[in-house]
Amino acid sequence: MGFWMKLALTFAAIILASILAGYLWNWLFNAEIPGFLGGMLGGIIAIPVWEFLRKFDTP
């Protein structure tokens, strides 16, 4: 899997995690999620997704 495909899938996972966290936060607290929490969650999600996609590298 190429670098750009891994990057696109990682960005998709970050966006999906941020959207789901926003819906969950709104459902629990009836307010918008603070921006720094959404960004922090996206960064935390990016690391395991990137590491998982590294397993599909072809030498």
Protein backbone atom coordinates (compact mmCIF):
# COMPACT_ATOMS: atom_id res chain seq x y z
CA MET A 1 0.00 0.00 0.00
CA GLY A 2 1.41 3.34 -1.01
CA PHE A 3 2.15 6.29 1.22
CA TRP A 4 -0.68 8.41 -0.19
CA MET A 5 -3.25 5.67 0.31
CA LYS A 6 -2.17 5.23 3.94
CA LEU A 7 -2.31 8.98 4.44
CA ALA A 8 -5.81 9.23 2.94
CA LEU A 9 -7.10 6.36 5.09
CA THR A 10 -5.54 7.90 8.20
CA PHE A 11 -7.19 11.26 7.46
CA ALA A 12 -10.51 9.50 6.91
CA ALA A 13 -10.17 7.76 10.29
CA ILE A 14 -9.33 11.08 11.99
CA ILE A 15 -12.37 12.80 10.48
CA LEU A 16 -14.68 9.89 11.26
CA ALA A 17 -13.49 9.70 14.88
CA SER A 18 -13.93 13.46 15.32
CA ILE A 19 -17.46 13.40 13.89
CA LEU A 20 -18.49 10.45 16.05
CA ALA A 21 -16.98 12.07 19.14
CA GLY A 22 -18.87 15.26 18.37
CA TYR A 23 -22.18 13.41 18.13
CA LEU A 24 -21.47 11.47 21.32
CA TRP A 25 -20.44 14.63 23.20
CA ASN A 26 -23.57 16.44 21.99
CA TRP A 27 -25.77 13.52 23.04
CA LEU A 28 -24.17 13.29 26.50
CA PHE A 29 -23.75 16.97 27.37
CA ASN A 30 -26.07 18.78 24.92
CA ALA A 31 -23.20 21.08 23.88
CA GLU A 32 -20.54 21.26 21.18
CA ILE A 33 -17.27 19.45 21.79
CA PRO A 34 -14.35 21.82 22.46
CA GLY A 35 -11.98 22.06 19.51
CA PHE A 36 -8.91 20.93 21.43
CA LEU A 37 -10.66 17.71 22.50
CA GLY A 38 -11.65 16.91 18.91
CA GLY A 39 -8.09 17.53 17.75
CA MET A 40 -6.60 15.51 20.56
CA LEU A 41 -8.91 12.59 19.80
CA GLY A 42 -8.01 12.75 16.11
CA GLY A 43 -4.30 12.66 16.94
CA ILE A 44 -4.74 9.74 19.29
CA ILE A 45 -6.69 7.81 16.64
CA ALA A 46 -4.11 8.57 13.93
CA ILE A 47 -1.26 6.72 15.62
CA PRO A 48 -2.79 3.22 15.85
CA VAL A 49 -4.40 3.58 12.39
CA TRP A 50 -1.05 4.47 10.82
CA GLU A 51 0.70 1.61 12.63
CA PHE A 52 -2.02 -0.82 11.52
CA LEU A 53 -1.67 0.30 7.89
CA ARG A 54 2.14 -0.14 8.05
CA LYS A 55 1.53 -3.89 8.28
CA PHE A 56 0.28 -3.82 4.69
CA ASP A 57 3.51 -2.39 3.24
CA THR A 58 4.99 -4.34 0.38
CA PRO A 59 8.78 -4.47 0.28
